[in-house]
């Protein structure tokens, strides 16, 4: 699948759309170009789209864990949503997916906690209420929820917006290297390797 196909219908600036019209490289090259151009928000969207949804969700969870450490107690609801998303990552059962989606809906999809829970809730299954005809989530719904999560996360401190967006981009590049589906390490395996001290230096 071409990078253009992966980004179809994605929320991107007109400048990035124009860049894509003649772009012939891979995802990592596009990300590098966007970083150099200072298009941090578009970079977050591209990363969320090109990573498999489980990896994208794990990336967003890591960003939230790091950036919420010093944020106010008022964001406890965000920590609750994060916990539900991480529970699904550890055990991607239907019950855990549905619980995350219910949390997002109860929170009216407002804020980091609701959107990271929605990202987990939209990884599969049905988005219709229990008892109704199943309605599968759209192809890129979970990825776009990840991108929205990180936009909310960065915006929680407007005076640090650029730094927070850049931090999330750096986390993805360090963790997933080339950002291709075939070269990424599953989150559970990466965690095991990290605990064993075998993860090694981040790829450049």
C-alpha atoms as a PDB file:
ATOM      1  CA  UNK A   1       0.000   0.000   0.000  1.00  0.00           C
ATOM      2  CA  UNK A   2       1.353   3.428  -0.960  1.00  0.00           C
ATOM      3  CA  UNK A   3       1.832   6.133   1.611  1.00  0.00           C
ATOM      4  CA  UNK A   4      -0.803   8.157  -0.251  1.00  0.00           C
ATOM      5  CA  UNK A   5      -3.337   5.335   0.211  1.00  0.00           C
ATOM      6  CA  UNK A   6      -2.518   5.095   3.906  1.00  0.00           C
ATOM      7  CA  UNK A   7      -3.192   8.799   4.308  1.00  0.00           C
ATOM      8  CA  UNK A   8      -6.391   8.946   2.307  1.00  0.00           C
ATOM      9  CA  UNK A   9      -9.004  11.013   4.190  1.00  0.00           C
ATOM     10  CA  UNK A  10      -6.465  11.887   6.916  1.00  0.00           C
ATOM     11  CA  UNK A  11      -6.690  15.362   8.420  1.00  0.00           C
ATOM     12  CA  UNK A  12      -3.609  17.047   6.937  1.00  0.00           C
ATOM     13  CA  UNK A  13      -2.640  20.595   6.057  1.00  0.00           C
ATOM     14  CA  UNK A  14      -2.878  21.785   2.466  1.00  0.00           C
ATOM     15  CA  UNK A  15       0.917  22.030   2.351  1.00  0.00           C
ATOM     16  CA  UNK A  16       1.319  18.369   3.261  1.00  0.00           C
ATOM     17  CA  UNK A  17      -1.387  17.351   0.775  1.00  0.00           C
ATOM     18  CA  UNK A  18       0.516  19.216  -1.908  1.00  0.00           C
ATOM     19  CA  UNK A  19       3.744  17.474  -0.856  1.00  0.00           C
ATOM     20  CA  UNK A  20       2.043  14.082  -1.170  1.00  0.00           C
ATOM     21  CA  UNK A  21       1.059  14.716  -4.787  1.00  0.00           C
ATOM     22  CA  UNK A  22       4.642  14.227  -5.957  1.00  0.00           C
ATOM     23  CA  UNK A  23       6.084  12.261  -3.029  1.00  0.00           C
ATOM     24  CA  UNK A  24       7.665   8.934  -4.028  1.00  0.00           C
ATOM     25  CA  UNK A  25       9.482   7.895  -0.850  1.00  0.00           C
ATOM     26  CA  UNK A  26       8.577   5.723   2.123  1.00  0.00           C
ATOM     27  CA  UNK A  27       6.876   6.614   5.387  1.00  0.00           C
ATOM     28  CA  UNK A  28      10.108   7.374   7.247  1.00  0.00           C
ATOM     29  CA  UNK A  29      11.256   9.733   4.509  1.00  0.00           C
ATOM     30  CA  UNK A  30       7.937  11.566   4.597  1.00  0.00           C
ATOM     31  CA  UNK A  31       8.129  11.862   8.366  1.00  0.00           C
ATOM     32  CA  UNK A  32      11.672  13.225   8.117  1.00  0.00           C
ATOM     33  CA  UNK A  33      10.526  15.821   5.574  1.00  0.00           C
ATOM     34  CA  UNK A  34       7.588  16.887   7.716  1.00  0.00           C
ATOM     35  CA  UNK A  35       9.786  17.191  10.803  1.00  0.00           C
ATOM     36  CA  UNK A  36      12.239  19.343   8.852  1.00  0.00           C
ATOM     37  CA  UNK A  37       9.351  21.508   7.655  1.00  0.00           C
ATOM     38  CA  UNK A  38       8.107  21.972  11.214  1.00  0.00           C
ATOM     39  CA  UNK A  39       4.784  20.275  10.412  1.00  0.00           C
ATOM     40  CA  UNK A  40       4.589  18.517  13.765  1.00  0.00           C
ATOM     41  CA  UNK A  41       0.821  17.990  13.862  1.00  0.00           C
ATOM     42  CA  UNK A  42       0.807  16.436  10.397  1.00  0.00           C
ATOM     43  CA  UNK A  43       3.721  14.267  11.493  1.00  0.00           C
ATOM     44  CA  UNK A  44       1.654  12.886  14.382  1.00  0.00           C
ATOM     45  CA  UNK A  45      -1.180  12.082  11.987  1.00  0.00           C
ATOM     46  CA  UNK A  46       1.134  10.327   9.532  1.00  0.00           C
ATOM     47  CA  UNK A  47       2.775   8.228  12.252  1.00  0.00           C
ATOM     48  CA  UNK A  48      -0.610   7.188  13.643  1.00  0.00           C
ATOM     49  CA  UNK A  49      -1.734   6.118  10.169  1.00  0.00           C
ATOM     50  CA  UNK A  50       1.363   4.176   9.086  1.00  0.00           C
ATOM     51  CA  UNK A  51       1.830   2.189  12.288  1.00  0.00           C
ATOM     52  CA  UNK A  52      -0.315  -0.907  12.891  1.00  0.00           C
ATOM     53  CA  UNK A  53      -3.049   0.159  15.297  1.00  0.00           C
ATOM     54  CA  UNK A  54      -1.675  -1.761  18.299  1.00  0.00           C
ATOM     55  CA  UNK A  55       1.703  -0.074  17.884  1.00  0.00           C
ATOM     56  CA  UNK A  56       0.107   3.340  17.400  1.00  0.00           C
ATOM     57  CA  UNK A  57      -1.900   2.865  20.578  1.00  0.00           C
ATOM     58  CA  UNK A  58       1.183   1.776  22.534  1.00  0.00           C
ATOM     59  CA  UNK A  59       3.025   4.860  21.253  1.00  0.00           C
ATOM     60  CA  UNK A  60       0.248   7.199  22.373  1.00  0.00           C
ATOM     61  CA  UNK A  61       0.100   5.524  25.784  1.00  0.00           C
ATOM     62  CA  UNK A  62       3.837   6.063  26.271  1.00  0.00           C
ATOM     63  CA  UNK A  63       3.509   9.738  25.357  1.00  0.00           C
ATOM     64  CA  UNK A  64       0.631  10.173  27.799  1.00  0.00           C
ATOM     65  CA  UNK A  65       2.471   8.402  30.631  1.00  0.00           C
ATOM     66  CA  UNK A  66       5.480  10.674  30.192  1.00  0.00           C
ATOM     67  CA  UNK A  67       3.665  13.980  29.750  1.00  0.00           C
ATOM     68  CA  UNK A  68       1.021  13.486  32.416  1.00  0.00           C
ATOM     69  CA  UNK A  69       3.617  12.816  35.105  1.00  0.00           C
ATOM     70  CA  UNK A  70       3.939  16.537  35.824  1.00  0.00           C
ATOM     71  CA  UNK A  71       0.418  17.613  34.897  1.00  0.00           C
ATOM     72  CA  UNK A  72      -2.248  18.661  37.358  1.00  0.00           C
ATOM     73  CA  UNK A  73      -4.488  16.272  39.328  1.00  0.00           C
ATOM     74  CA  UNK A  74      -7.358  17.699  37.259  1.00  0.00           C
ATOM     75  CA  UNK A  75      -6.273  15.233  34.584  1.00  0.00           C
ATOM     76  CA  UNK A  76      -7.136  12.149  36.618  1.00  0.00           C
ATOM     77  CA  UNK A  77      -9.794  11.313  34.040  1.00  0.00           C
ATOM     78  CA  UNK A  78      -7.003  11.155  31.462  1.00  0.00           C
ATOM     79  CA  UNK A  79      -5.130   8.701  33.618  1.00  0.00           C
ATOM     80  CA  UNK A  80      -8.277   6.605  33.891  1.00  0.00           C
ATOM     81  CA  UNK A  81      -8.645   6.487  30.111  1.00  0.00           C
ATOM     82  CA  UNK A  82      -4.965   5.643  29.775  1.00  0.00           C
ATOM     83  CA  UNK A  83      -5.372   2.743  32.199  1.00  0.00           C
ATOM     84  CA  UNK A  84      -8.218   1.321  30.113  1.00  0.00           C
ATOM     85  CA  UNK A  85      -6.209   1.601  26.890  1.00  0.00           C
ATOM     86  CA  UNK A  86      -3.211  -0.088  28.505  1.00  0.00           C
ATOM     87  CA  UNK A  87      -5.454  -2.827  29.875  1.00  0.00           C
ATOM     88  CA  UNK A  88      -6.601  -3.542  26.320  1.00  0.00           C
ATOM     89  CA  UNK A  89      -2.992  -3.598  25.101  1.00  0.00           C
ATOM     90  CA  UNK A  90      -2.139  -6.186  27.752  1.00  0.00           C
ATOM     91  CA  UNK A  91      -5.317  -8.184  27.158  1.00  0.00           C
ATOM     92  CA  UNK A  92      -7.079  -7.295  23.873  1.00  0.00           C
ATOM     93  CA  UNK A  93     -10.325  -8.985  24.846  1.00  0.00           C
ATOM     94  CA  UNK A  94     -13.762  -7.884  23.703  1.00  0.00           C
ATOM     95  CA  UNK A  95     -14.711  -6.989  27.275  1.00  0.00           C
ATOM     96  CA  UNK A  96     -11.704  -4.687  27.639  1.00  0.00           C
ATOM     97  CA  UNK A  97     -12.330  -3.120  24.239  1.00  0.00           C
ATOM     98  CA  UNK A  98     -15.983  -2.489  25.054  1.00  0.00           C
ATOM     99  CA  UNK A  99     -15.150  -1.048  28.482  1.00  0.00           C
ATOM    100  CA  UNK A 100     -12.732   1.415  26.880  1.00  0.00           C
ATOM    101  CA  UNK A 101     -15.300   2.451  24.281  1.00  0.00           C
ATOM    102  CA  UNK A 102     -18.009   2.915  26.915  1.00  0.00           C
ATOM    103  CA  UNK A 103     -15.643   5.161  28.888  1.00  0.00           C
ATOM    104  CA  UNK A 104     -14.981   7.298  25.806  1.00  0.00           C
ATOM    105  CA  UNK A 105     -18.672   7.625  25.049  1.00  0.00           C
ATOM    106  CA  UNK A 106     -19.509   8.475  28.658  1.00  0.00           C
ATOM    107  CA  UNK A 107     -16.888  11.230  28.493  1.00  0.00           C
ATOM    108  CA  UNK A 108     -18.405  12.562  25.261  1.00  0.00           C
ATOM    109  CA  UNK A 109     -15.064  12.050  23.505  1.00  0.00           C
ATOM    110  CA  UNK A 110     -13.668  15.062  25.302  1.00  0.00           C
ATOM    111  CA  UNK A 111     -10.005  15.152  26.274  1.00  0.00           C
ATOM    112  CA  UNK A 112      -7.009  12.863  26.308  1.00  0.00           C
ATOM    113  CA  UNK A 113      -8.542  10.135  28.470  1.00  0.00           C
ATOM    114  CA  UNK A 114     -11.657   9.793  26.348  1.00  0.00           C
ATOM    115  CA  UNK A 115      -9.760   9.745  23.058  1.00  0.00           C
ATOM    116  CA  UNK A 116      -7.112   7.210  24.078  1.00  0.00           C
ATOM    117  CA  UNK A 117      -9.915   4.979  25.362  1.00  0.00           C
ATOM    118  CA  UNK A 118     -11.758   5.497  22.068  1.00  0.00           C
ATOM    119  CA  UNK A 119      -8.640   4.467  20.162  1.00  0.00           C
ATOM    120  CA  UNK A 120      -8.665   1.167  22.051  1.00  0.00           C
ATOM    121  CA  UNK A 121     -12.416   0.834  21.642  1.00  0.00           C
ATOM    122  CA  UNK A 122     -12.216   1.304  17.872  1.00  0.00           C
ATOM    123  CA  UNK A 123      -9.572  -1.366  17.241  1.00  0.00           C
ATOM    124  CA  UNK A 124     -12.202  -3.894  16.198  1.00  0.00           C
ATOM    125  CA  UNK A 125     -15.508  -5.379  17.206  1.00  0.00           C
ATOM    126  CA  UNK A 126     -18.589  -3.212  16.831  1.00  0.00           C
ATOM    127  CA  UNK A 127     -19.089   0.463  17.569  1.00  0.00           C
ATOM    128  CA  UNK A 128     -22.850   0.000  17.900  1.00  0.00           C
ATOM    129  CA  UNK A 129     -24.391  -0.349  21.387  1.00  0.00           C
ATOM    130  CA  UNK A 130     -24.715  -3.903  22.719  1.00  0.00           C
ATOM    131  CA  UNK A 131     -27.777  -5.655  21.318  1.00  0.00           C
ATOM    132  CA  UNK A 132     -27.789  -3.701  18.063  1.00  0.00           C
ATOM    133  CA  UNK A 133     -26.679  -4.882  14.609  1.00  0.00           C
ATOM    134  CA  UNK A 134     -22.856  -4.909  14.680  1.00  0.00           C
ATOM    135  CA  UNK A 135     -21.182  -1.945  12.987  1.00  0.00           C
ATOM    136  CA  UNK A 136     -17.416  -2.360  12.497  1.00  0.00           C
ATOM    137  CA  UNK A 137     -15.239   0.723  13.044  1.00  0.00           C
ATOM    138  CA  UNK A 138     -13.881   2.520  10.006  1.00  0.00           C
ATOM    139  CA  UNK A 139     -10.499   1.409   8.693  1.00  0.00           C
ATOM    140  CA  UNK A 140      -8.564   4.354  10.121  1.00  0.00           C
ATOM    141  CA  UNK A 141     -10.806   5.248  13.049  1.00  0.00           C
ATOM    142  CA  UNK A 142      -8.428   3.952  15.742  1.00  0.00           C
ATOM    143  CA  UNK A 143      -5.409   5.616  14.111  1.00  0.00           C
ATOM    144  CA  UNK A 144      -7.181   8.941  13.830  1.00  0.00           C
ATOM    145  CA  UNK A 145      -8.238   8.667  17.480  1.00  0.00           C
ATOM    146  CA  UNK A 146      -4.569   8.209  18.389  1.00  0.00           C
ATOM    147  CA  UNK A 147      -3.658  11.368  16.474  1.00  0.00           C
ATOM    148  CA  UNK A 148      -6.492  13.292  18.134  1.00  0.00           C
ATOM    149  CA  UNK A 149      -5.342  12.029  21.532  1.00  0.00           C
ATOM    150  CA  UNK A 150      -1.870  13.450  20.979  1.00  0.00           C
ATOM    151  CA  UNK A 151      -3.219  16.770  19.728  1.00  0.00           C
ATOM    152  CA  UNK A 152      -5.246  17.096  22.947  1.00  0.00           C
ATOM    153  CA  UNK A 153      -2.231  15.997  24.985  1.00  0.00           C
ATOM    154  CA  UNK A 154       0.072  18.603  23.463  1.00  0.00           C
ATOM    155  CA  UNK A 155      -2.574  21.322  23.748  1.00  0.00           C
ATOM    156  CA  UNK A 156      -3.021  20.865  27.498  1.00  0.00           C
ATOM    157  CA  UNK A 157      -0.046  23.174  27.963  1.00  0.00           C
ATOM    158  CA  UNK A 158      -0.269  25.761  25.161  1.00  0.00           C
ATOM    159  CA  UNK A 159       3.010  27.366  26.195  1.00  0.00           C
ATOM    160  CA  UNK A 160       4.741  24.021  25.601  1.00  0.00           C
ATOM    161  CA  UNK A 161       2.782  22.971  22.512  1.00  0.00           C
ATOM    162  CA  UNK A 162       5.727  22.695  20.135  1.00  0.00           C
ATOM    163  CA  UNK A 163       7.893  20.865  22.656  1.00  0.00           C
ATOM    164  CA  UNK A 164       5.150  18.367  23.526  1.00  0.00           C
ATOM    165  CA  UNK A 165       4.382  17.611  19.878  1.00  0.00           C
ATOM    166  CA  UNK A 166       8.093  17.195  19.159  1.00  0.00           C
ATOM    167  CA  UNK A 167       8.427  14.864  22.145  1.00  0.00           C
ATOM    168  CA  UNK A 168       5.714  12.562  20.777  1.00  0.00           C
ATOM    169  CA  UNK A 169       7.394  12.466  17.364  1.00  0.00           C
ATOM    170  CA  UNK A 170      10.726  11.614  18.990  1.00  0.00           C
ATOM    171  CA  UNK A 171       9.185   8.773  21.012  1.00  0.00           C
ATOM    172  CA  UNK A 172       7.805   7.193  17.839  1.00  0.00           C
ATOM    173  CA  UNK A 173      11.049   7.537  15.897  1.00  0.00           C
ATOM    174  CA  UNK A 174      13.103   6.119  18.749  1.00  0.00           C
ATOM    175  CA  UNK A 175      10.749   3.215  19.428  1.00  0.00           C
ATOM    176  CA  UNK A 176       9.795   2.170  15.920  1.00  0.00           C
ATOM    177  CA  UNK A 177      12.788   3.086  13.792  1.00  0.00           C
ATOM    178  CA  UNK A 178      11.807   2.980  10.139  1.00  0.00           C
ATOM    179  CA  UNK A 179       8.099   3.055  11.051  1.00  0.00           C
ATOM    180  CA  UNK A 180       7.312   0.223   8.678  1.00  0.00           C
ATOM    181  CA  UNK A 181       4.935  -2.605   9.521  1.00  0.00           C
ATOM    182  CA  UNK A 182       7.537  -5.308   8.907  1.00  0.00           C
ATOM    183  CA  UNK A 183      10.345  -3.880  11.044  1.00  0.00           C
ATOM    184  CA  UNK A 184       8.505  -2.968  14.211  1.00  0.00           C
ATOM    185  CA  UNK A 185       8.675  -5.030  17.396  1.00  0.00           C
ATOM    186  CA  UNK A 186       5.325  -5.876  19.025  1.00  0.00           C
ATOM    187  CA  UNK A 187       4.760  -3.831  22.215  1.00  0.00           C
ATOM    188  CA  UNK A 188       4.721  -6.881  24.493  1.00  0.00           C
ATOM    189  CA  UNK A 189       7.975  -8.167  22.989  1.00  0.00           C
ATOM    190  CA  UNK A 190       9.567  -4.723  23.180  1.00  0.00           C
ATOM    191  CA  UNK A 191       8.650  -4.501  26.855  1.00  0.00           C
ATOM    192  CA  UNK A 192      10.231  -7.896  27.522  1.00  0.00           C
ATOM    193  CA  UNK A 193      13.387  -6.887  25.659  1.00  0.00           C
ATOM    194  CA  UNK A 194      13.583  -3.614  27.552  1.00  0.00           C
ATOM    195  CA  UNK A 195      13.289  -5.397  30.882  1.00  0.00           C
ATOM    196  CA  UNK A 196      16.025  -7.773  29.792  1.00  0.00           C
ATOM    197  CA  UNK A 197      18.224  -4.885  28.668  1.00  0.00           C
ATOM    198  CA  UNK A 198      18.216  -6.049  25.073  1.00  0.00           C
ATOM    199  CA  UNK A 199      16.364  -3.268  23.339  1.00  0.00           C
ATOM    200  CA  UNK A 200      19.541  -1.517  22.304  1.00  0.00           C
ATOM    201  CA  UNK A 201      20.033   2.005  21.055  1.00  0.00           C
ATOM    202  CA  UNK A 202      17.222   3.698  19.119  1.00  0.00           C
ATOM    203  CA  UNK A 203      17.484   3.550  15.339  1.00  0.00           C
ATOM    204  CA  UNK A 204      18.314   6.764  13.590  1.00  0.00           C
END
